[in-house]
C-alpha atoms as a PDB file:
ATOM      1  CA  MET A   1      15.348   4.482  25.604  1.00  0.00           C
ATOM      2  CA  SER A   2      12.098   3.681  23.781  1.00  0.00           C
ATOM      3  CA  ARG A   3      12.190   1.355  20.833  1.00  0.00           C
ATOM      4  CA  GLN A   4      12.191   3.199  17.537  1.00  0.00           C
ATOM      5  CA  PRO A   5      11.546   1.980  13.993  1.00  0.00           C
ATOM      6  CA  PRO A   6      14.891   0.718  12.615  1.00  0.00           C
ATOM      7  CA  PRO A   7      16.787   2.663   9.969  1.00  0.00           C
ATOM      8  CA  GLN A   8      15.631   2.014   6.418  1.00  0.00           C
ATOM      9  CA  SER A   9      17.716   0.769   3.542  1.00  0.00           C
ATOM     10  CA  LYS A  10      18.113   2.755   0.318  1.00  0.00           C
ATOM     11  CA  THR A  11      15.848   0.202  -1.355  1.00  0.00           C
ATOM     12  CA  GLN A  12      13.076   0.794   1.170  1.00  0.00           C
ATOM     13  CA  VAL A  13      13.406   4.574   0.890  1.00  0.00           C
ATOM     14  CA  SER A  14      13.185   4.306  -2.896  1.00  0.00           C
ATOM     15  CA  GLN A  15      10.081   2.153  -2.634  1.00  0.00           C
ATOM     16  CA  GLU A  16       8.436   4.668  -0.320  1.00  0.00           C
ATOM     17  CA  ARG A  17       9.045   7.488  -2.782  1.00  0.00           C
ATOM     18  CA  SER A  18       7.023   5.433  -5.259  1.00  0.00           C
ATOM     19  CA  PRO A  19       4.230   4.065  -3.043  1.00  0.00           C
ATOM     20  CA  SER A  20       3.414   0.397  -3.366  1.00  0.00           C
ATOM     21  CA  LEU A  21      -0.046  -0.786  -4.402  1.00  0.00           C
ATOM     22  CA  LEU A  22      -0.862  -1.599  -0.786  1.00  0.00           C
ATOM     23  CA  ALA A  23       0.322   1.814   0.437  1.00  0.00           C
ATOM     24  CA  GLN A  24      -1.764   3.589  -2.212  1.00  0.00           C
ATOM     25  CA  LEU A  25      -4.901   1.656  -1.317  1.00  0.00           C
ATOM     26  CA  ILE A  26      -4.383   2.268   2.408  1.00  0.00           C
ATOM     27  CA  ALA A  27      -4.059   5.997   1.717  1.00  0.00           C
ATOM     28  CA  GLU A  28      -7.357   5.940  -0.184  1.00  0.00           C
ATOM     29  CA  ILE A  29      -9.106   3.966   2.573  1.00  0.00           C
ATOM     30  CA  GLU A  30      -7.821   6.276   5.308  1.00  0.00           C
ATOM     31  CA  GLY A  31      -9.128   9.237   3.339  1.00  0.00           C
ATOM     32  CA  MET A  32     -12.661   7.815   3.633  1.00  0.00           C
ATOM     33  CA  GLY A  33     -12.961   8.175   7.403  1.00  0.00           C
ATOM     34  CA  PRO A  34     -11.271   8.978  10.719  1.00  0.00           C
ATOM     35  CA  LEU A  35      -9.779   5.517  11.274  1.00  0.00           C
ATOM     36  CA  ARG A  36      -6.017   4.944  10.934  1.00  0.00           C
ATOM     37  CA  LEU A  37      -4.695   1.769   9.287  1.00  0.00           C
ATOM     38  CA  ASN A  38      -1.383   0.002   9.879  1.00  0.00           C
ATOM     39  CA  PHE A  39       0.125  -3.426   9.318  1.00  0.00           C
ATOM     40  CA  GLU A  40       2.200  -5.248  11.918  1.00  0.00           C
ATOM     41  CA  ASP A  41       4.626  -7.362   9.868  1.00  0.00           C
ATOM     42  CA  LEU A  42       5.387 -10.536  11.856  1.00  0.00           C
ATOM     43  CA  THR A  43       7.509 -12.332   9.258  1.00  0.00           C
ATOM     44  CA  GLY A  44       9.277  -9.872   6.968  1.00  0.00           C
ATOM     45  CA  VAL A  45       6.938 -10.416   4.021  1.00  0.00           C
ATOM     46  CA  THR A  46       6.824  -6.665   3.311  1.00  0.00           C
ATOM     47  CA  LEU A  47      10.603  -6.780   2.796  1.00  0.00           C
ATOM     48  CA  ASP A  48      10.284  -9.539   0.203  1.00  0.00           C
ATOM     49  CA  VAL A  49       7.383  -8.127  -1.804  1.00  0.00           C
ATOM     50  CA  PRO A  50       7.831  -4.550  -3.103  1.00  0.00           C
ATOM     51  CA  GLU A  51       4.105  -4.054  -3.671  1.00  0.00           C
ATOM     52  CA  LEU A  52       3.487  -4.711   0.040  1.00  0.00           C
ATOM     53  CA  ASN A  53       6.137  -2.278   1.254  1.00  0.00           C
ATOM     54  CA  LEU A  54       4.697   0.341   3.590  1.00  0.00           C
ATOM     55  CA  PRO A  55       5.934   3.719   4.875  1.00  0.00           C
ATOM     56  CA  PRO A  56       6.523   4.131   8.634  1.00  0.00           C
ATOM     57  CA  GLN A  57       3.131   5.731   9.271  1.00  0.00           C
ATOM     58  CA  ASN A  58       1.450   2.509   8.114  1.00  0.00           C
ATOM     59  CA  ARG A  59       3.675   0.153  10.124  1.00  0.00           C
ATOM     60  CA  PHE A  60       2.990   1.595  13.588  1.00  0.00           C
ATOM     61  CA  HIS A  61       0.210   3.299  15.534  1.00  0.00           C
ATOM     62  CA  VAL A  62       0.919   6.971  14.872  1.00  0.00           C
ATOM     63  CA  CYS A  63      -2.304   8.810  15.746  1.00  0.00           C
ATOM     64  CA  ASP A  64      -1.885  11.758  18.149  1.00  0.00           C
ATOM     65  CA  PHE A  65      -3.209   9.785  21.120  1.00  0.00           C
ATOM     66  CA  CYS A  66      -0.903   6.804  20.529  1.00  0.00           C
ATOM     67  CA  VAL A  67       2.152   9.009  19.968  1.00  0.00           C
ATOM     68  CA  LEU A  68       1.461  10.734  23.300  1.00  0.00           C
ATOM     69  CA  ALA A  69       0.934   7.388  25.027  1.00  0.00           C
ATOM     70  CA  LYS A  70       4.371   6.242  23.823  1.00  0.00           C
ATOM     71  CA  HIS A  71       6.303   9.439  24.534  1.00  0.00           C
ATOM     72  CA  THR A  72       7.869   7.974  27.696  1.00  0.00           C
ATOM     73  CA  ARG A  73       9.855   4.791  28.108  1.00  0.00           C
ATOM     74  CA  ARG A  74       7.259   3.231  30.406  1.00  0.00           C
ATOM     75  CA  GLY A  75       4.389   4.222  28.157  1.00  0.00           C
ATOM     76  CA  HIS A  76       6.177   2.846  25.095  1.00  0.00           C
ATOM     77  CA  PHE A  77       6.783  -0.445  26.897  1.00  0.00           C
ATOM     78  CA  GLN A  78       3.112  -0.712  27.876  1.00  0.00           C
ATOM     79  CA  CYS A  79       1.946  -0.100  24.302  1.00  0.00           C
ATOM     80  CA  ASN A  80       4.389  -2.615  22.857  1.00  0.00           C
ATOM     81  CA  ARG A  81       3.375  -5.243  25.387  1.00  0.00           C
ATOM     82  CA  ASN A  82      -0.300  -4.668  24.587  1.00  0.00           C
ATOM     83  CA  LYS A  83       0.430  -4.962  20.839  1.00  0.00           C
ATOM     84  CA  ASP A  84       2.313  -8.249  21.380  1.00  0.00           C
ATOM     85  CA  THR A  85      -0.654  -9.612  23.332  1.00  0.00           C
ATOM     86  CA  VAL A  86      -3.091  -8.717  20.552  1.00  0.00           C
ATOM     87  CA  ASN A  87      -0.771 -10.183  17.903  1.00  0.00           C
ATOM     88  CA  ARG A  88      -0.687 -13.409  19.870  1.00  0.00           C
ATOM     89  CA  LEU A  89      -4.480 -13.432  20.148  1.00  0.00           C
ATOM     90  CA  ALA A  90      -4.917 -12.768  16.414  1.00  0.00           C
ATOM     91  CA  ARG A  91      -2.537 -15.596  15.604  1.00  0.00           C
ATOM     92  CA  ARG A  92      -4.351 -18.006  17.919  1.00  0.00           C
ATOM     93  CA  ARG A  93      -7.863 -17.080  16.738  1.00  0.00           C
ATOM     94  CA  ALA A  94      -6.860 -16.909  13.058  1.00  0.00           C
ATOM     95  CA  THR A  95      -9.795 -14.598  12.429  1.00  0.00           C
ATOM     96  CA  GLY A  96     -10.634 -10.909  12.808  1.00  0.00           C
ATOM     97  CA  PHE A  97     -12.128  -9.211  15.866  1.00  0.00           C
ATOM     98  CA  VAL A  98     -12.763  -5.796  17.433  1.00  0.00           C
ATOM     99  CA  GLY A  99     -11.259  -4.745  20.741  1.00  0.00           C
ATOM    100  CA  GLN A 100      -9.999  -1.942  22.963  1.00  0.00           C
ATOM    101  CA  CYS A 101      -6.355  -1.495  23.889  1.00  0.00           C
ATOM    102  CA  HIS A 102      -5.148  -1.052  27.483  1.00  0.00           C
ATOM    103  CA  LEU A 103      -5.961   2.668  27.151  1.00  0.00           C
ATOM    104  CA  GLY A 104      -9.443   2.199  25.692  1.00  0.00           C
ATOM    105  CA  MET A 105      -8.836   2.994  22.012  1.00  0.00           C
ATOM    106  CA  THR A 106     -10.754   0.734  19.596  1.00  0.00           C
ATOM    107  CA  ASP A 107      -9.200  -1.170  16.693  1.00  0.00           C
ATOM    108  CA  ILE A 108     -10.501  -3.646  14.136  1.00  0.00           C
ATOM    109  CA  VAL A 109      -7.925  -6.434  14.057  1.00  0.00           C
ATOM    110  CA  GLU A 110      -7.494  -8.694  11.029  1.00  0.00           C
ATOM    111  CA  PRO A 111      -4.681 -11.271  10.656  1.00  0.00           C
ATOM    112  CA  LEU A 112      -3.097 -11.785   7.230  1.00  0.00           C
ATOM    113  CA  LEU A 113      -3.277 -15.546   6.768  1.00  0.00           C
ATOM    114  CA  PHE A 114      -1.757 -17.376   3.836  1.00  0.00           C
ATOM    115  CA  HIS A 115      -1.677 -21.165   3.600  1.00  0.00           C
ATOM    116  CA  GLY A 116      -2.432 -21.375   7.314  1.00  0.00           C
ATOM    117  CA  ARG A 117       0.470 -19.105   8.299  1.00  0.00           C
ATOM    118  CA  THR A 118       0.043 -15.721  10.007  1.00  0.00           C
ATOM    119  CA  LEU A 119       2.225 -13.289   8.076  1.00  0.00           C
ATOM    120  CA  GLY A 120       1.119 -10.197   9.942  1.00  0.00           C
ATOM    121  CA  VAL A 121      -1.810  -8.336  11.473  1.00  0.00           C
ATOM    122  CA  PHE A 122      -3.795  -5.361  10.166  1.00  0.00           C
ATOM    123  CA  TYR A 123      -5.020  -2.736  12.645  1.00  0.00           C
ATOM    124  CA  TYR A 124      -7.771  -0.341  11.565  1.00  0.00           C
ATOM    125  CA  GLY A 125      -8.978   2.127  14.162  1.00  0.00           C
ATOM    126  CA  SER A 126      -7.302   4.252  16.842  1.00  0.00           C
ATOM    127  CA  VAL A 127     -10.741   5.707  17.567  1.00  0.00           C
ATOM    128  CA  LEU A 128     -13.314   5.742  20.342  1.00  0.00           C
ATOM    129  CA  VAL A 129     -16.632   3.940  19.918  1.00  0.00           C
ATOM    130  CA  GLU A 130     -19.680   5.782  21.235  1.00  0.00           C
ATOM    131  CA  GLY A 131     -20.429   4.770  24.796  1.00  0.00           C
ATOM    132  CA  THR A 132     -16.898   3.626  25.635  1.00  0.00           C
ATOM    133  CA  ARG A 133     -15.346   6.925  26.786  1.00  0.00           C
ATOM    134  CA  GLY A 134     -15.961   6.190  30.473  1.00  0.00           C
ATOM    135  CA  LYS A 135     -14.342   2.771  30.124  1.00  0.00           C
ATOM    136  CA  ALA A 136     -11.383   4.319  28.300  1.00  0.00           C
ATOM    137  CA  GLU A 137     -10.858   6.907  31.047  1.00  0.00           C
ATOM    138  CA  GLU A 138     -10.932   4.144  33.654  1.00  0.00           C
ATOM    139  CA  ARG A 139      -8.339   2.151  31.704  1.00  0.00           C
ATOM    140  CA  ILE A 140      -6.089   5.190  31.355  1.00  0.00           C
ATOM    141  CA  ARG A 141      -6.157   5.895  35.106  1.00  0.00           C
ATOM    142  CA  ARG A 142      -5.514   2.247  35.956  1.00  0.00           C
ATOM    143  CA  SER A 143      -2.658   1.906  33.480  1.00  0.00           C
ATOM    144  CA  CYS A 144      -1.012   5.159  34.564  1.00  0.00           C
ATOM    145  CA  LYS A 145      -1.256   4.200  38.216  1.00  0.00           C
ATOM    146  CA  ARG A 146       0.389   0.863  37.480  1.00  0.00           C
ATOM    147  CA  VAL A 147       3.471   2.501  35.929  1.00  0.00           C
ATOM    148  CA  GLY A 148       3.557   5.608  38.150  1.00  0.00           C
ATOM    149  CA  MET A 149       2.453   8.154  35.522  1.00  0.00           C
ATOM    150  CA  ALA A 150       0.058  11.095  35.800  1.00  0.00           C
ATOM    151  CA  PRO A 151      -3.055  10.480  33.624  1.00  0.00           C
ATOM    152  CA  GLY A 152      -3.835  14.132  32.901  1.00  0.00           C
ATOM    153  CA  LEU A 153      -2.211  14.435  29.470  1.00  0.00           C
ATOM    154  CA  LEU A 154      -3.785  11.247  28.146  1.00  0.00           C
ATOM    155  CA  LEU A 155      -7.215  12.142  29.509  1.00  0.00           C
ATOM    156  CA  ARG A 156      -7.077  15.526  27.775  1.00  0.00           C
ATOM    157  CA  GLN A 157      -5.902  13.952  24.502  1.00  0.00           C
ATOM    158  CA  LEU A 158      -8.735  11.437  24.746  1.00  0.00           C
ATOM    159  CA  THR A 159     -11.252  14.279  24.375  1.00  0.00           C
ATOM    160  CA  LYS A 160      -9.759  14.999  20.926  1.00  0.00           C
ATOM    161  CA  ALA A 161      -9.923  11.401  19.705  1.00  0.00           C
ATOM    162  CA  PRO A 162     -12.329  10.718  16.805  1.00  0.00           C
ATOM    163  CA  VAL A 163     -15.565   8.951  17.763  1.00  0.00           C
ATOM    164  CA  ILE A 164     -17.606   6.552  15.627  1.00  0.00           C
ATOM    165  CA  ALA A 165     -20.912   4.749  16.168  1.00  0.00           C
ATOM    166  CA  GLU A 166     -20.764   1.035  16.955  1.00  0.00           C
ATOM    167  CA  GLU A 167     -22.906   0.191  13.925  1.00  0.00           C
ATOM    168  CA  GLU A 168     -20.227   1.688  11.660  1.00  0.00           C
ATOM    169  CA  LEU A 169     -17.713  -1.007  12.617  1.00  0.00           C
ATOM    170  CA  ALA A 170     -19.140  -3.544  10.156  1.00  0.00           C
ATOM    171  CA  ARG A 171     -18.720  -1.122   7.261  1.00  0.00           C
ATOM    172  CA  TYR A 172     -15.145  -0.337   8.232  1.00  0.00           C
ATOM    173  CA  ARG A 173     -14.303  -4.010   8.648  1.00  0.00           C
ATOM    174  CA  LYS A 174     -15.534  -4.677   5.117  1.00  0.00           C
ATOM    175  CA  ARG A 175     -12.991  -2.130   3.861  1.00  0.00           C
ATOM    176  CA  LEU A 176     -10.259  -3.797   5.876  1.00  0.00           C
ATOM    177  CA  LEU A 177     -11.112  -7.174   4.355  1.00  0.00           C
ATOM    178  CA  LEU A 178     -10.587  -5.647   0.890  1.00  0.00           C
ATOM    179  CA  ILE A 179      -7.094  -4.581   1.978  1.00  0.00           C
ATOM    180  CA  ARG A 180      -6.364  -8.052   3.328  1.00  0.00           C
ATOM    181  CA  ASP A 181      -7.609  -9.749   0.162  1.00  0.00           C
ATOM    182  CA  LEU A 182      -5.458  -7.491  -2.008  1.00  0.00           C
ATOM    183  CA  ALA A 183      -2.389  -8.406   0.047  1.00  0.00           C
ATOM    184  CA  ILE A 184      -3.171 -12.102  -0.406  1.00  0.00           C
ATOM    185  CA  LYS A 185      -3.543 -11.682  -4.184  1.00  0.00           C
ATOM    186  CA  ILE A 186      -0.196  -9.884  -4.374  1.00  0.00           C
ATOM    187  CA  ILE A 187       1.507 -12.673  -2.416  1.00  0.00           C
ATOM    188  CA  GLU A 188      -0.058 -15.280  -4.707  1.00  0.00           C
ATOM    189  CA  ALA A 189       0.987 -13.381  -7.847  1.00  0.00           C
ATOM    190  CA  CYS A 190       4.597 -13.167  -6.627  1.00  0.00           C
ATOM    191  CA  SER A 191       4.695 -16.872  -5.716  1.00  0.00           C
ATOM    192  CA  VAL A 192       6.192 -16.006  -2.342  1.00  0.00           C
ATOM    193  CA  PRO A 193       7.400 -19.237  -0.617  1.00  0.00           C
ATOM    194  CA  VAL A 194       5.691 -18.459   2.687  1.00  0.00           C
ATOM    195  CA  GLU A 195       6.355 -21.915   4.141  1.00  0.00           C
ATOM    196  CA  ARG A 196       9.852 -20.644   4.986  1.00  0.00           C
ATOM    197  CA  TYR A 197       8.577 -17.814   7.180  1.00  0.00           C
ATOM    198  CA  SER A 198       8.660 -17.854  10.963  1.00  0.00           C
ATOM    199  CA  THR A 199       6.084 -15.725  12.764  1.00  0.00           C
ATOM    200  CA  LEU A 200       7.694 -13.484  15.398  1.00  0.00           C
ATOM    201  CA  LEU A 201       5.256 -11.580  17.580  1.00  0.00           C
ATOM    202  CA  ASN A 202       7.634  -8.623  17.914  1.00  0.00           C
ATOM    203  CA  PHE A 203       9.286  -8.844  14.495  1.00  0.00           C
ATOM    204  CA  GLY A 204       8.715  -5.184  13.765  1.00  0.00           C
ATOM    205  CA  PHE A 205      10.975  -4.145  16.641  1.00  0.00           C
ATOM    206  CA  THR A 206      13.688  -6.811  16.472  1.00  0.00           C
ATOM    207  CA  SER A 207      17.045  -6.680  14.759  1.00  0.00           C
ATOM    208  CA  SER A 208      15.699  -9.148  12.194  1.00  0.00           C
ATOM    209  CA  ARG A 209      14.049  -6.160  10.575  1.00  0.00           C
ATOM    210  CA  ARG A 210      17.475  -4.755   9.752  1.00  0.00           C
ATOM    211  CA  LEU A 211      18.618  -7.902   7.998  1.00  0.00           C
ATOM    212  CA  LEU A 212      18.014  -9.000   4.438  1.00  0.00           C
ATOM    213  CA  PRO A 213      14.579 -10.158   3.292  1.00  0.00           C
ATOM    214  CA  ALA A 214      13.670 -13.739   4.161  1.00  0.00           C
ATOM    215  CA  LEU A 215      13.798 -14.812   0.507  1.00  0.00           C
ATOM    216  CA  THR A 216      17.323 -13.434   0.088  1.00  0.00           C
ATOM    217  CA  GLN A 217      18.476 -15.137   3.272  1.00  0.00           C
ATOM    218  CA  ALA A 218      16.964 -18.447   2.147  1.00  0.00           C
ATOM    219  CA  ALA A 219      18.716 -18.204  -1.223  1.00  0.00           C
ATOM    220  CA  MET A 220      22.045 -17.463   0.477  1.00  0.00           C
ATOM    221  CA  ALA A 221      21.614 -20.433   2.805  1.00  0.00           C
ATOM    222  CA  TYR A 222      20.836 -22.678  -0.157  1.00  0.00           C
ATOM    223  CA  VAL A 223      23.982 -21.528  -1.981  1.00  0.00           C
ATOM    224  CA  HIS A 224      26.138 -22.259   1.065  1.00  0.00           C
ATOM    225  CA  ARG A 225      24.697 -25.770   1.295  1.00  0.00           C
ATOM    226  CA  ARG A 226      24.915 -26.593  -2.412  1.00  0.00           C
ATOM    227  CA  TYR A 227      27.777 -24.487  -3.805  1.00  0.00           C
ATOM    228  CA  GLN A 228      29.539 -27.652  -5.068  1.00  0.00           C
ATOM    229  CA  ASP A 229      26.588 -28.491  -7.320  1.00  0.00           C
ATOM    230  CA  SER A 230      25.697 -27.020 -10.689  1.00  0.00           C
ATOM    231  CA  LEU A 231      23.792 -23.989  -9.399  1.00  0.00           C
ATOM    232  CA  GLU A 232      21.623 -21.653 -11.427  1.00  0.00           C
ATOM    233  CA  VAL A 233      19.001 -19.121 -10.453  1.00  0.00           C
ATOM    234  CA  LEU A 234      16.339 -21.408 -11.940  1.00  0.00           C
ATOM    235  CA  THR A 235      17.520 -24.291  -9.740  1.00  0.00           C
ATOM    236  CA  ILE A 236      17.427 -22.217  -6.569  1.00  0.00           C
ATOM    237  CA  ALA A 237      14.050 -20.674  -7.405  1.00  0.00           C
ATOM    238  CA  LYS A 238      12.577 -24.118  -7.945  1.00  0.00           C
ATOM    239  CA  ALA A 239      13.934 -25.298  -4.599  1.00  0.00           C
ATOM    240  CA  LEU A 240      12.484 -22.235  -2.853  1.00  0.00           C
ATOM    241  CA  LYS A 241       9.175 -22.576  -4.740  1.00  0.00           C
ATOM    242  CA  CYS A 242       9.149 -19.117  -6.291  1.00  0.00           C
ATOM    243  CA  GLN A 243       9.514 -17.554  -9.718  1.00  0.00           C
ATOM    244  CA  PRO A 244      13.144 -17.043 -10.919  1.00  0.00           C
ATOM    245  CA  SER A 245      12.390 -13.456 -11.941  1.00  0.00           C
ATOM    246  CA  HIS A 246      10.965 -12.662  -8.501  1.00  0.00           C
ATOM    247  CA  LEU A 247      13.942 -14.260  -6.747  1.00  0.00           C
ATOM    248  CA  SER A 248      16.434 -12.382  -8.919  1.00  0.00           C
ATOM    249  CA  ARG A 249      14.667  -9.070  -8.390  1.00  0.00           C
ATOM    250  CA  VAL A 250      14.400  -9.412  -4.601  1.00  0.00           C
ATOM    251  CA  PHE A 251      17.979 -10.657  -4.249  1.00  0.00           C
ATOM    252  CA  LYS A 252      19.506  -7.915  -6.386  1.00  0.00           C
ATOM    253  CA  SER A 253      17.509  -5.099  -4.795  1.00  0.00           C
ATOM    254  CA  SER A 254      18.280  -6.203  -1.227  1.00  0.00           C
ATOM    255  CA  ALA A 255      21.821  -7.589  -1.493  1.00  0.00           C
ATOM    256  CA  GLY A 256      23.089  -5.083  -4.049  1.00  0.00           C
ATOM    257  CA  TYR A 257      24.430  -7.699  -6.468  1.00  0.00           C
ATOM    258  CA  SER A 258      23.018 -10.592  -8.430  1.00  0.00           C
ATOM    259  CA  LEU A 259      22.445 -14.096  -7.143  1.00  0.00           C
ATOM    260  CA  SER A 260      24.783 -15.441  -9.832  1.00  0.00           C
ATOM    261  CA  ASP A 261      27.548 -13.187  -8.551  1.00  0.00           C
ATOM    262  CA  TYR A 262      26.891 -14.358  -4.990  1.00  0.00           C
ATOM    263  CA  ILE A 263      27.300 -17.996  -6.056  1.00  0.00           C
ATOM    264  CA  LYS A 264      30.721 -17.143  -7.487  1.00  0.00           C
ATOM    265  CA  ARG A 265      31.732 -15.336  -4.322  1.00  0.00           C
ATOM    266  CA  VAL A 266      30.848 -18.276  -2.071  1.00  0.00           C
ATOM    267  CA  ARG A 267      32.772 -20.659  -4.314  1.00  0.00           C
ATOM    268  CA  ILE A 268      35.850 -18.432  -4.294  1.00  0.00           C
ATOM    269  CA  ASP A 269      35.711 -18.155  -0.490  1.00  0.00           C
ATOM    270  CA  HIS A 270      35.799 -21.952  -0.236  1.00  0.00           C
ATOM    271  CA  ALA A 271      38.533 -22.169  -2.867  1.00  0.00           C
ATOM    272  CA  MET A 272      40.734 -19.813  -0.845  1.00  0.00           C
ATOM    273  CA  ARG A 273      40.548 -22.054   2.193  1.00  0.00           C
ATOM    274  CA  LEU A 274      41.425 -25.118   0.116  1.00  0.00           C
ATOM    275  CA  LEU A 275      44.316 -23.304  -1.556  1.00  0.00           C
ATOM    276  CA  SER A 276      45.848 -22.605   1.839  1.00  0.00           C
ATOM    277  CA  SER A 277      46.571 -26.348   1.990  1.00  0.00           C
ATOM    278  CA  SER A 278      48.767 -28.393  -0.353  1.00  0.00           C
ATOM    279  CA  GLU A 279      46.436 -31.370  -0.277  1.00  0.00           C
ATOM    280  CA  TYR A 280      44.675 -30.633  -3.574  1.00  0.00           C
ATOM    281  CA  SER A 281      45.747 -29.307  -6.947  1.00  0.00           C
ATOM    282  CA  VAL A 282      44.219 -26.169  -8.419  1.00  0.00           C
ATOM    283  CA  GLY A 283      42.310 -28.298 -10.934  1.00  0.00           C
ATOM    284  CA  GLU A 284      40.860 -30.480  -8.184  1.00  0.00           C
ATOM    285  CA  ILE A 285      39.862 -27.456  -6.146  1.00  0.00           C
ATOM    286  CA  SER A 286      38.077 -25.851  -9.083  1.00  0.00           C
ATOM    287  CA  TYR A 287      35.791 -28.900  -9.364  1.00  0.00           C
ATOM    288  CA  MET A 288      35.394 -29.240  -5.585  1.00  0.00           C
ATOM    289  CA  VAL A 289      33.923 -25.729  -5.317  1.00  0.00           C
ATOM    290  CA  GLY A 290      31.520 -26.124  -8.235  1.00  0.00           C
ATOM    291  CA  PHE A 291      33.412 -24.902 -11.324  1.00  0.00           C
ATOM    292  CA  GLN A 292      33.233 -27.263 -14.287  1.00  0.00           C
ATOM    293  CA  ASP A 293      36.022 -25.473 -16.133  1.00  0.00           C
ATOM    294  CA  GLN A 294      39.413 -24.748 -14.554  1.00  0.00           C
ATOM    295  CA  SER A 295      40.093 -21.789 -16.853  1.00  0.00           C
ATOM    296  CA  HIS A 296      36.790 -20.187 -15.856  1.00  0.00           C
ATOM    297  CA  PHE A 297      37.676 -20.787 -12.210  1.00  0.00           C
ATOM    298  CA  GLY A 298      40.970 -18.968 -12.732  1.00  0.00           C
ATOM    299  CA  LYS A 299      39.237 -16.062 -14.461  1.00  0.00           C
ATOM    300  CA  VAL A 300      36.679 -15.637 -11.684  1.00  0.00           C
ATOM    301  CA  PHE A 301      39.376 -16.000  -9.010  1.00  0.00           C
ATOM    302  CA  ARG A 302      41.461 -13.231 -10.598  1.00  0.00           C
ATOM    303  CA  SER A 303      38.428 -10.941 -10.745  1.00  0.00           C
ATOM    304  CA  PHE A 304      38.204 -11.209  -6.947  1.00  0.00           C
ATOM    305  CA  LEU A 305      41.789 -11.162  -5.794  1.00  0.00           C
ATOM    306  CA  LYS A 306      43.707  -9.735  -8.766  1.00  0.00           C
ATOM    307  CA  MET A 307      45.939 -12.814  -8.754  1.00  0.00           C
ATOM    308  CA  THR A 308      45.788 -16.405  -9.994  1.00  0.00           C
ATOM    309  CA  PRO A 309      44.972 -19.340  -7.699  1.00  0.00           C
ATOM    310  CA  MET A 310      48.617 -20.455  -7.833  1.00  0.00           C
ATOM    311  CA  ASP A 311      49.807 -16.960  -6.919  1.00  0.00           C
ATOM    312  CA  TYR A 312      47.432 -16.990  -3.963  1.00  0.00           C
ATOM    313  CA  ARG A 313      48.759 -20.368  -2.793  1.00  0.00           C
ATOM    314  CA  GLN A 314      52.368 -19.214  -3.033  1.00  0.00           C
ATOM    315  CA  ARG A 315      51.715 -15.958  -1.194  1.00  0.00           C
ATOM    316  CA  TYR A 316      49.885 -17.858   1.541  1.00  0.00           C
ATOM    317  CA  ARG A 317      52.870 -20.166   2.003  1.00  0.00           C
ATOM    318  CA  GLN A 318      55.183 -17.149   2.217  1.00  0.00           C
ATOM    319  CA  GLY A 319      53.000 -15.596   4.913  1.00  0.00           C
ATOM    320  CA  ASP A 320      51.860 -12.673   2.782  1.00  0.00           C
ATOM    321  CA  ILE A 321      48.193 -13.729   3.136  1.00  0.00           C
ATOM    322  CA  SER A 322      46.525 -14.695   6.396  1.00  0.00           C
ATOM    323  CA  GLY A 323      43.887 -17.055   5.004  1.00  0.00           C
ATOM    324  CA  LYS A 324      40.322 -16.712   6.248  1.00  0.00           C
ATOM    325  CA  ALA A 325      40.738 -13.219   7.650  1.00  0.00           C
ATOM    326  CA  ASP A 326      42.051 -12.080   4.284  1.00  0.00           C
ATOM    327  CA  SER A 327      39.103 -13.728   2.561  1.00  0.00           C
ATOM    328  CA  GLU A 328      36.665 -11.762   4.687  1.00  0.00           C
ATOM    329  CA  SER A 329      38.425  -8.471   3.908  1.00  0.00           C
ATOM    330  CA  ILE A 330      37.917  -8.762   0.140  1.00  0.00           C
ATOM    331  CA  ALA A 331      35.432  -6.161  -1.056  1.00  0.00           C
ATOM    332  CA  PHE A 332      32.681  -7.645  -3.172  1.00  0.00           C
ATOM    333  CA  SER A 333      32.482  -4.356  -5.044  1.00  0.00           C
ATOM    334  CA  ASN A 334      35.809  -5.269  -6.670  1.00  0.00           C
ATOM    335  CA  PHE A 335      34.171  -8.202  -8.402  1.00  0.00           C
ATOM    336  CA  GLN A 336      33.200  -7.820 -12.057  1.00  0.00           C
ATOM    337  CA  SER A 337      30.450 -10.073 -13.423  1.00  0.00           C
ATOM    338  CA  LEU A 338      31.730 -12.754 -15.785  1.00  0.00           C
END
């Protein structure tokens, strides 16, 4: 089975109905010539920054030739392997270049660098350059022979591919640099803490794409490490080196509830485990999990489980509650913000 773009969240679908700034500019640029433009996200930055979110047609090579090249499992594998190789080269060079893929199609390649980190790679092309058709046909035959495929379909599709003059490449690259610079300005304006990102050469096709944005995951990890402390959104944003408003917006849109609510949930989860033991009093547990007021702890606890901490402890002792498994079965949607 060939790898397909992962299913999109409701948030992503909503963003695509209202195109981001980057998507709008790409649409305008593509309307100025035959070249197709897409962005290979290697870190998940487009999940963190709404104005960088892109529709599927701008995240993959989707020209007619490329779609045909990937219509079989073997062809899809070859294209993905070639893309990974180019991503690796762009990361190592840390600068743009022009090249032909394993089937002879030309792309202008430009890495998105921010503070020395490669966040992704722009591809602008999917065209033939004058004088390279013979080389492209040779590459198609060689590649098809290697994987046991007939080259006829690709060779016929190649005759329909758009062709540009070599001297036009400089003009097109200048347009691509405008796109790259806009993306950098958006990242700067959002104060995205890019030092947390890990560059994965095949991020766009891994399960990581289906997880929460990197910023949301970092905030969750921070809460789990520091839930006993006096936590506020401002504190977490400062630790993650981003604006509180940006953190709150990304967290709420991706997780479906606020960061403040998530802090409460983590604290209650820990409180439930402590309540299953008789070692500590309810008052001690409330302070151990980060609540500075026992009455507030009780109020939050009841909003989750519809019972007081003491009721929970008694039911656990009687065997009516199974502890951790019961904690994991609690629906967060039952929680009301306090």
